[in-house]
Amino acid sequence: HVAGFALGAATALMGEKAAFACTVAVESVIDEHYAAQ
């Protein structure tokens, strides 16, 4: 709950591109994770 919000806010504070970079990174890992499942 805390870590997710902090990560989102921190990356957005770095700028829009950093917020979207966060999404790219998370979704890359999730793609691998779901494929393995």
PDB file of all heavy atoms in Angstrom:
ATOM      1  N   HIS A   1       0.844  -1.208   0.000  1.00  0.00           N
ATOM      2  CA  HIS A   1       0.000   0.000   0.000  1.00  0.00           C
ATOM      3  C   HIS A   1       0.876   1.253   0.000  1.00  0.00           C
ATOM      4  O   HIS A   1       0.672   2.169  -0.796  1.00  0.00           O
ATOM      5  CB  HIS A   1      -0.912  -0.025   1.237  1.00  0.00           C
ATOM      6  CG  HIS A   1      -1.836   1.134   1.326  1.00  0.00           C
ATOM      7  ND1 HIS A   1      -3.028   1.183   0.623  1.00  0.00           N
ATOM      8  CD2 HIS A   1      -1.758   2.298   2.009  1.00  0.00           C
ATOM      9  CE1 HIS A   1      -3.637   2.327   0.877  1.00  0.00           C
ATOM     10  NE2 HIS A   1      -2.888   3.024   1.719  1.00  0.00           N
ATOM     11  N   VAL A   2       1.858   1.279   0.886  1.00  0.00           N
ATOM     12  CA  VAL A   2       2.738   2.439   1.021  1.00  0.00           C
ATOM     13  C   VAL A   2       3.776   2.472  -0.099  1.00  0.00           C
ATOM     14  O   VAL A   2       3.987   3.511  -0.740  1.00  0.00           O
ATOM     15  CB  VAL A   2       3.430   2.437   2.411  1.00  0.00           C
ATOM     16  CG1 VAL A   2       4.464   3.539   2.507  1.00  0.00           C
ATOM     17  CG2 VAL A   2       2.392   2.561   3.511  1.00  0.00           C
ATOM     18  N   ALA A   3       4.423   1.338  -0.340  1.00  0.00           N
ATOM     19  CA  ALA A   3       5.512   1.296  -1.323  1.00  0.00           C
ATOM     20  C   ALA A   3       5.012   1.591  -2.740  1.00  0.00           C
ATOM     21  O   ALA A   3       5.676   2.300  -3.499  1.00  0.00           O
ATOM     22  CB  ALA A   3       6.203  -0.059  -1.283  1.00  0.00           C
ATOM     23  N   GLY A   4       3.849   1.061  -3.095  1.00  0.00           N
ATOM     24  CA  GLY A   4       3.301   1.314  -4.422  1.00  0.00           C
ATOM     25  C   GLY A   4       3.030   2.794  -4.639  1.00  0.00           C
ATOM     26  O   GLY A   4       3.428   3.374  -5.656  1.00  0.00           O
ATOM     27  N   PHE A   5       2.364   3.417  -3.677  1.00  0.00           N
ATOM     28  CA  PHE A   5       2.061   4.850  -3.790  1.00  0.00           C
ATOM     29  C   PHE A   5       3.352   5.658  -3.863  1.00  0.00           C
ATOM     30  O   PHE A   5       3.487   6.565  -4.689  1.00  0.00           O
ATOM     31  CB  PHE A   5       1.206   5.320  -2.612  1.00  0.00           C
ATOM     32  CG  PHE A   5       0.698   6.715  -2.769  1.00  0.00           C
ATOM     33  CD1 PHE A   5      -0.521   6.960  -3.375  1.00  0.00           C
ATOM     34  CD2 PHE A   5       1.443   7.807  -2.325  1.00  0.00           C
ATOM     35  CE1 PHE A   5      -0.999   8.261  -3.529  1.00  0.00           C
ATOM     36  CE2 PHE A   5       0.987   9.103  -2.475  1.00  0.00           C
ATOM     37  CZ  PHE A   5      -0.243   9.325  -3.088  1.00  0.00           C
ATOM     38  N   ALA A   6       4.311   5.326  -2.996  1.00  0.00           N
ATOM     39  CA  ALA A   6       5.581   6.062  -2.966  1.00  0.00           C
ATOM     40  C   ALA A   6       6.322   5.938  -4.299  1.00  0.00           C
ATOM     41  O   ALA A   6       6.863   6.925  -4.807  1.00  0.00           O
ATOM     42  CB  ALA A   6       6.459   5.558  -1.824  1.00  0.00           C
ATOM     43  N   LEU A   7       6.342   4.735  -4.871  1.00  0.00           N
ATOM     44  CA  LEU A   7       7.005   4.544  -6.160  1.00  0.00           C
ATOM     45  C   LEU A   7       6.320   5.359  -7.245  1.00  0.00           C
ATOM     46  O   LEU A   7       6.981   6.042  -8.035  1.00  0.00           O
ATOM     47  CB  LEU A   7       7.021   3.060  -6.541  1.00  0.00           C
ATOM     48  CG  LEU A   7       7.644   2.723  -7.897  1.00  0.00           C
ATOM     49  CD1 LEU A   7       9.103   3.164  -7.962  1.00  0.00           C
ATOM     50  CD2 LEU A   7       7.504   1.224  -8.169  1.00  0.00           C
ATOM     51  N   GLY A   8       5.008   5.338  -7.274  1.00  0.00           N
ATOM     52  CA  GLY A   8       4.281   6.111  -8.273  1.00  0.00           C
ATOM     53  C   GLY A   8       4.504   7.607  -8.125  1.00  0.00           C
ATOM     54  O   GLY A   8       4.785   8.309  -9.099  1.00  0.00           O
ATOM     55  N   ALA A   9       4.404   8.088  -6.897  1.00  0.00           N
ATOM     56  CA  ALA A   9       4.588   9.523  -6.665  1.00  0.00           C
ATOM     57  C   ALA A   9       6.025   9.951  -6.960  1.00  0.00           C
ATOM     58  O   ALA A   9       6.257  10.994  -7.594  1.00  0.00           O
ATOM     59  CB  ALA A   9       4.205   9.868  -5.223  1.00  0.00           C
ATOM     60  N   ALA A  10       6.980   9.146  -6.522  1.00  0.00           N
ATOM     61  CA  ALA A  10       8.393   9.501  -6.727  1.00  0.00           C
ATOM     62  C   ALA A  10       8.737   9.560  -8.207  1.00  0.00           C
ATOM     63  O   ALA A  10       9.413  10.497  -8.656  1.00  0.00           O
ATOM     64  CB  ALA A  10       9.301   8.509  -6.015  1.00  0.00           C
ATOM     65  N   THR A  11       8.283   8.591  -8.975  1.00  0.00           N
ATOM     66  CA  THR A  11       8.602   8.618 -10.407  1.00  0.00           C
ATOM     67  C   THR A  11       7.878   9.762 -11.104  1.00  0.00           C
ATOM     68  O   THR A  11       8.449  10.404 -11.984  1.00  0.00           O
ATOM     69  CB  THR A  11       8.305   7.261 -11.088  1.00  0.00           C
ATOM     70  OG1 THR A  11       6.944   6.889 -10.868  1.00  0.00           O
ATOM     71  CG2 THR A  11       9.244   6.186 -10.557  1.00  0.00           C
ATOM     72  N   ALA A  12       6.666  10.054 -10.693  1.00  0.00           N
ATOM     73  CA  ALA A  12       5.938  11.181 -11.300  1.00  0.00           C
ATOM     74  C   ALA A  12       6.603  12.515 -10.940  1.00  0.00           C
ATOM     75  O   ALA A  12       6.619  13.438 -11.756  1.00  0.00           O
ATOM     76  CB  ALA A  12       4.479  11.172 -10.869  1.00  0.00           C
ATOM     77  N   LEU A  13       7.160  12.610  -9.728  1.00  0.00           N
ATOM     78  CA  LEU A  13       7.883  13.824  -9.346  1.00  0.00           C
ATOM     79  C   LEU A  13       9.119  14.032 -10.218  1.00  0.00           C
ATOM     80  O   LEU A  13       9.563  15.161 -10.421  1.00  0.00           O
ATOM     81  CB  LEU A  13       8.286  13.779  -7.872  1.00  0.00           C
ATOM     82  CG  LEU A  13       7.167  14.058  -6.877  1.00  0.00           C
ATOM     83  CD1 LEU A  13       7.608  13.694  -5.457  1.00  0.00           C
ATOM     84  CD2 LEU A  13       6.720  15.514  -6.959  1.00  0.00           C
ATOM     85  N   MET A  14       9.671  12.942 -10.745  1.00  0.00           N
ATOM     86  CA  MET A  14      10.817  13.025 -11.647  1.00  0.00           C
ATOM     87  C   MET A  14      10.391  13.464 -13.050  1.00  0.00           C
ATOM     88  O   MET A  14      11.241  13.779 -13.874  1.00  0.00           O
ATOM     89  CB  MET A  14      11.513  11.665 -11.739  1.00  0.00           C
ATOM     90  CG  MET A  14      12.177  11.228 -10.452  1.00  0.00           C
ATOM     91  SD  MET A  14      12.774   9.519 -10.545  1.00  0.00           S
ATOM     92  CE  MET A  14      14.001   9.636 -11.852  1.00  0.00           C
ATOM     93  N   GLY A  15       9.087  13.465 -13.306  1.00  0.00           N
ATOM     94  CA  GLY A  15       8.564  13.886 -14.599  1.00  0.00           C
ATOM     95  C   GLY A  15       7.706  12.803 -15.239  1.00  0.00           C
ATOM     96  O   GLY A  15       7.748  11.635 -14.855  1.00  0.00           O
ATOM     97  N   GLU A  16       6.923  13.229 -16.225  1.00  0.00           N
ATOM     98  CA  GLU A  16       6.020  12.295 -16.909  1.00  0.00           C
ATOM     99  C   GLU A  16       6.758  11.104 -17.500  1.00  0.00           C
ATOM    100  O   GLU A  16       6.300   9.963 -17.409  1.00  0.00           O
ATOM    101  CB  GLU A  16       5.280  13.009 -18.044  1.00  0.00           C
ATOM    102  CG  GLU A  16       4.197  13.931 -17.607  1.00  0.00           C
ATOM    103  CD  GLU A  16       3.557  14.644 -18.788  1.00  0.00           C
ATOM    104  OE1 GLU A  16       3.489  14.046 -19.890  1.00  0.00           O
ATOM    105  OE2 GLU A  16       3.135  15.797 -18.608  1.00  0.00           O
ATOM    106  N   LYS A  17       7.897  11.370 -18.124  1.00  0.00           N
ATOM    107  CA  LYS A  17       8.629  10.282 -18.775  1.00  0.00           C
ATOM    108  C   LYS A  17       9.116   9.266 -17.747  1.00  0.00           C
ATOM    109  O   LYS A  17       9.113   8.060 -18.008  1.00  0.00           O
ATOM    110  CB  LYS A  17       9.774  10.827 -19.620  1.00  0.00           C
ATOM    111  CG  LYS A  17       9.243  11.582 -20.823  1.00  0.00           C
ATOM    112  CD  LYS A  17      10.314  12.146 -21.694  1.00  0.00           C
ATOM    113  CE  LYS A  17       9.613  12.934 -22.800  1.00  0.00           C
ATOM    114  NZ  LYS A  17      10.423  13.271 -23.895  1.00  0.00           N
ATOM    115  N   ALA A  18       9.498   9.718 -16.574  1.00  0.00           N
ATOM    116  CA  ALA A  18       9.914   8.799 -15.517  1.00  0.00           C
ATOM    117  C   ALA A  18       8.723   7.989 -15.008  1.00  0.00           C
ATOM    118  O   ALA A  18       8.867   6.798 -14.702  1.00  0.00           O
ATOM    119  CB  ALA A  18      10.571   9.561 -14.372  1.00  0.00           C
ATOM    120  N   ALA A  19       7.560   8.621 -14.909  1.00  0.00           N
ATOM    121  CA  ALA A  19       6.359   7.884 -14.506  1.00  0.00           C
ATOM    122  C   ALA A  19       6.071   6.773 -15.519  1.00  0.00           C
ATOM    123  O   ALA A  19       5.777   5.633 -15.141  1.00  0.00           O
ATOM    124  CB  ALA A  19       5.167   8.829 -14.389  1.00  0.00           C
ATOM    125  N   PHE A  20       6.186   7.101 -16.804  1.00  0.00           N
ATOM    126  CA  PHE A  20       5.950   6.088 -17.825  1.00  0.00           C
ATOM    127  C   PHE A  20       7.078   5.052 -17.848  1.00  0.00           C
ATOM    128  O   PHE A  20       6.839   3.878 -18.148  1.00  0.00           O
ATOM    129  CB  PHE A  20       5.733   6.737 -19.188  1.00  0.00           C
ATOM    130  CG  PHE A  20       4.401   7.427 -19.307  1.00  0.00           C
ATOM    131  CD1 PHE A  20       4.320   8.795 -19.523  1.00  0.00           C
ATOM    132  CD2 PHE A  20       3.224   6.715 -19.184  1.00  0.00           C
ATOM    133  CE1 PHE A  20       3.094   9.438 -19.616  1.00  0.00           C
ATOM    134  CE2 PHE A  20       1.981   7.341 -19.269  1.00  0.00           C
ATOM    135  CZ  PHE A  20       1.912   8.705 -19.490  1.00  0.00           C
ATOM    136  N   ALA A  21       8.288   5.450 -17.505  1.00  0.00           N
ATOM    137  CA  ALA A  21       9.398   4.497 -17.412  1.00  0.00           C
ATOM    138  C   ALA A  21       9.126   3.482 -16.304  1.00  0.00           C
ATOM    139  O   ALA A  21       9.449   2.296 -16.446  1.00  0.00           O
ATOM    140  CB  ALA A  21      10.709   5.237 -17.152  1.00  0.00           C
ATOM    141  N   CYS A  22       8.539   3.930 -15.218  1.00  0.00           N
ATOM    142  CA  CYS A  22       8.155   3.037 -14.133  1.00  0.00           C
ATOM    143  C   CYS A  22       7.183   1.980 -14.649  1.00  0.00           C
ATOM    144  O   CYS A  22       7.351   0.786 -14.387  1.00  0.00           O
ATOM    145  CB  CYS A  22       7.534   3.845 -12.993  1.00  0.00           C
ATOM    146  SG  CYS A  22       6.889   2.860 -11.632  1.00  0.00           S
ATOM    147  N   THR A  23       6.195   2.422 -15.411  1.00  0.00           N
ATOM    148  CA  THR A  23       5.208   1.491 -15.959  1.00  0.00           C
ATOM    149  C   THR A  23       5.865   0.488 -16.899  1.00  0.00           C
ATOM    150  O   THR A  23       5.589  -0.706 -16.839  1.00  0.00           O
ATOM    151  CB  THR A  23       4.072   2.257 -16.667  1.00  0.00           C
ATOM    152  OG1 THR A  23       3.417   3.087 -15.703  1.00  0.00           O
ATOM    153  CG2 THR A  23       3.068   1.315 -17.297  1.00  0.00           C
ATOM    154  N   VAL A  24       6.752   0.961 -17.763  1.00  0.00           N
ATOM    155  CA  VAL A  24       7.444   0.053 -18.684  1.00  0.00           C
ATOM    156  C   VAL A  24       8.198  -1.019 -17.896  1.00  0.00           C
ATOM    157  O   VAL A  24       8.118  -2.216 -18.220  1.00  0.00           O
ATOM    158  CB  VAL A  24       8.402   0.831 -19.618  1.00  0.00           C
ATOM    159  CG1 VAL A  24       9.338  -0.122 -20.358  1.00  0.00           C
ATOM    160  CG2 VAL A  24       7.613   1.668 -20.612  1.00  0.00           C
ATOM    161  N   ALA A  25       8.914  -0.615 -16.874  1.00  0.00           N
ATOM    162  CA  ALA A  25       9.708  -1.565 -16.087  1.00  0.00           C
ATOM    163  C   ALA A  25       8.815  -2.584 -15.377  1.00  0.00           C
ATOM    164  O   ALA A  25       9.066  -3.791 -15.435  1.00  0.00           O
ATOM    165  CB  ALA A  25      10.577  -0.807 -15.083  1.00  0.00           C
ATOM    166  N   VAL A  26       7.780  -2.090 -14.713  1.00  0.00           N
ATOM    167  CA  VAL A  26       6.880  -2.996 -13.990  1.00  0.00           C
ATOM    168  C   VAL A  26       6.225  -3.967 -14.967  1.00  0.00           C
ATOM    169  O   VAL A  26       6.190  -5.178 -14.726  1.00  0.00           O
ATOM    170  CB  VAL A  26       5.807  -2.204 -13.207  1.00  0.00           C
ATOM    171  CG1 VAL A  26       4.721  -3.132 -12.680  1.00  0.00           C
ATOM    172  CG2 VAL A  26       6.440  -1.417 -12.066  1.00  0.00           C
ATOM    173  N   GLU A  27       5.717  -3.445 -16.071  1.00  0.00           N
ATOM    174  CA  GLU A  27       4.994  -4.309 -17.011  1.00  0.00           C
ATOM    175  C   GLU A  27       5.914  -5.312 -17.699  1.00  0.00           C
ATOM    176  O   GLU A  27       5.470  -6.402 -18.057  1.00  0.00           O
ATOM    177  CB  GLU A  27       4.223  -3.480 -18.041  1.00  0.00           C
ATOM    178  CG  GLU A  27       3.197  -2.535 -17.455  1.00  0.00           C
ATOM    179  CD  GLU A  27       2.083  -3.174 -16.629  1.00  0.00           C
ATOM    180  OE1 GLU A  27       2.161  -4.372 -16.275  1.00  0.00           O
ATOM    181  OE2 GLU A  27       1.120  -2.471 -16.325  1.00  0.00           O
ATOM    182  N   SER A  28       7.179  -4.989 -17.864  1.00  0.00           N
ATOM    183  CA  SER A  28       8.138  -5.960 -18.415  1.00  0.00           C
ATOM    184  C   SER A  28       8.253  -7.171 -17.496  1.00  0.00           C
ATOM    185  O   SER A  28       8.251  -8.317 -17.949  1.00  0.00           O
ATOM    186  CB  SER A  28       9.516  -5.324 -18.588  1.00  0.00           C
ATOM    187  OG  SER A  28       9.484  -4.319 -19.549  1.00  0.00           O
ATOM    188  N   VAL A  29       8.335  -6.902 -16.202  1.00  0.00           N
ATOM    189  CA  VAL A  29       8.435  -7.981 -15.226  1.00  0.00           C
ATOM    190  C   VAL A  29       7.123  -8.763 -15.153  1.00  0.00           C
ATOM    191  O   VAL A  29       7.130 -10.002 -15.091  1.00  0.00           O
ATOM    192  CB  VAL A  29       8.831  -7.422 -13.840  1.00  0.00           C
ATOM    193  CG1 VAL A  29       8.749  -8.493 -12.754  1.00  0.00           C
ATOM    194  CG2 VAL A  29      10.224  -6.816 -13.895  1.00  0.00           C
ATOM    195  N   ILE A  30       5.999  -8.057 -15.193  1.00  0.00           N
ATOM    196  CA  ILE A  30       4.704  -8.729 -15.107  1.00  0.00           C
ATOM    197  C   ILE A  30       4.479  -9.623 -16.317  1.00  0.00           C
ATOM    198  O   ILE A  30       3.922 -10.721 -16.195  1.00  0.00           O
ATOM    199  CB  ILE A  30       3.560  -7.701 -14.953  1.00  0.00           C
ATOM    200  CG1 ILE A  30       3.715  -6.941 -13.632  1.00  0.00           C
ATOM    201  CG2 ILE A  30       2.191  -8.366 -15.037  1.00  0.00           C
ATOM    202  CD1 ILE A  30       3.836  -7.804 -12.402  1.00  0.00           C
ATOM    203  N   ASP A  31       4.916  -9.188 -17.487  1.00  0.00           N
ATOM    204  CA  ASP A  31       4.780 -10.018 -18.679  1.00  0.00           C
ATOM    205  C   ASP A  31       5.507 -11.350 -18.485  1.00  0.00           C
ATOM    206  O   ASP A  31       4.947 -12.423 -18.748  1.00  0.00           O
ATOM    207  CB  ASP A  31       5.318  -9.280 -19.906  1.00  0.00           C
ATOM    208  CG  ASP A  31       5.136 -10.084 -21.176  1.00  0.00           C
ATOM    209  OD1 ASP A  31       3.980 -10.351 -21.554  1.00  0.00           O
ATOM    210  OD2 ASP A  31       6.156 -10.463 -21.782  1.00  0.00           O
ATOM    211  N   GLU A  32       6.734 -11.298 -17.995  1.00  0.00           N
ATOM    212  CA  GLU A  32       7.502 -12.525 -17.719  1.00  0.00           C
ATOM    213  C   GLU A  32       6.801 -13.379 -16.665  1.00  0.00           C
ATOM    214  O   GLU A  32       6.721 -14.607 -16.794  1.00  0.00           O
ATOM    215  CB  GLU A  32       8.897 -12.169 -17.206  1.00  0.00           C
ATOM    216  CG  GLU A  32       9.786 -11.442 -18.177  1.00  0.00           C
ATOM    217  CD  GLU A  32      11.023 -10.842 -17.500  1.00  0.00           C
ATOM    218  OE1 GLU A  32      11.229 -11.051 -16.277  1.00  0.00           O
ATOM    219  OE2 GLU A  32      11.782 -10.148 -18.207  1.00  0.00           O
ATOM    220  N   HIS A  33       6.309 -12.726 -15.633  1.00  0.00           N
ATOM    221  CA  HIS A  33       5.655 -13.411 -14.520  1.00  0.00           C
ATOM    222  C   HIS A  33       4.395 -14.142 -14.986  1.00  0.00           C
ATOM    223  O   HIS A  33       4.205 -15.324 -14.699  1.00  0.00           O
ATOM    224  CB  HIS A  33       5.323 -12.376 -13.434  1.00  0.00           C
ATOM    225  CG  HIS A  33       4.448 -12.881 -12.345  1.00  0.00           C
ATOM    226  ND1 HIS A  33       4.880 -13.776 -11.395  1.00  0.00           N
ATOM    227  CD2 HIS A  33       3.149 -12.613 -12.065  1.00  0.00           C
ATOM    228  CE1 HIS A  33       3.882 -14.037 -10.563  1.00  0.00           C
ATOM    229  NE2 HIS A  33       2.835 -13.345 -10.950  1.00  0.00           N
ATOM    230  N   TYR A  34       3.535 -13.444 -15.719  1.00  0.00           N
ATOM    231  CA  TYR A  34       2.304 -14.067 -16.215  1.00  0.00           C
ATOM    232  C   TYR A  34       2.616 -15.186 -17.207  1.00  0.00           C
ATOM    233  O   TYR A  34       1.944 -16.218 -17.209  1.00  0.00           O
ATOM    234  CB  TYR A  34       1.387 -13.025 -16.856  1.00  0.00           C
ATOM    235  CG  TYR A  34       0.504 -12.264 -15.883  1.00  0.00           C
ATOM    236  CD1 TYR A  34      -0.026 -11.033 -16.235  1.00  0.00           C
ATOM    237  CD2 TYR A  34       0.176 -12.771 -14.634  1.00  0.00           C
ATOM    238  CE1 TYR A  34      -0.862 -10.323 -15.371  1.00  0.00           C
ATOM    239  CE2 TYR A  34      -0.647 -12.065 -13.766  1.00  0.00           C
ATOM    240  CZ  TYR A  34      -1.167 -10.853 -14.138  1.00  0.00           C
ATOM    241  OH  TYR A  34      -1.994 -10.168 -13.289  1.00  0.00           O
ATOM    242  N   ALA A  35       3.622 -15.011 -18.055  1.00  0.00           N
ATOM    243  CA  ALA A  35       3.994 -16.062 -19.010  1.00  0.00           C
ATOM    244  C   ALA A  35       4.434 -17.322 -18.258  1.00  0.00           C
ATOM    245  O   ALA A  35       4.054 -18.441 -18.629  1.00  0.00           O
ATOM    246  CB  ALA A  35       5.108 -15.570 -19.937  1.00  0.00           C
ATOM    247  N   ALA A  36       5.222 -17.156 -17.208  1.00  0.00           N
ATOM    248  CA  ALA A  36       5.674 -18.308 -16.418  1.00  0.00           C
ATOM    249  C   ALA A  36       4.500 -19.000 -15.734  1.00  0.00           C
ATOM    250  O   ALA A  36       4.442 -20.237 -15.666  1.00  0.00           O
ATOM    251  CB  ALA A  36       6.708 -17.858 -15.386  1.00  0.00           C
ATOM    252  N   GLN A  37       3.553 -18.217 -15.244  1.00  0.00           N
ATOM    253  CA  GLN A  37       2.370 -18.814 -14.615  1.00  0.00           C
ATOM    254  C   GLN A  37       1.563 -19.626 -15.625  1.00  0.00           C
ATOM    255  O   GLN A  37       1.127 -20.733 -15.322  1.00  0.00           O
ATOM    256  CB  GLN A  37       1.478 -17.730 -14.000  1.00  0.00           C
ATOM    257  CG  GLN A  37       1.996 -17.180 -12.712  1.00  0.00           C
ATOM    258  CD  GLN A  37       1.011 -16.223 -12.076  1.00  0.00           C
ATOM    259  OE1 GLN A  37       0.159 -15.635 -12.737  1.00  0.00           O
ATOM    260  NE2 GLN A  37       1.134 -16.053 -10.772  1.00  0.00           N
TER     261      GLN A  37
END
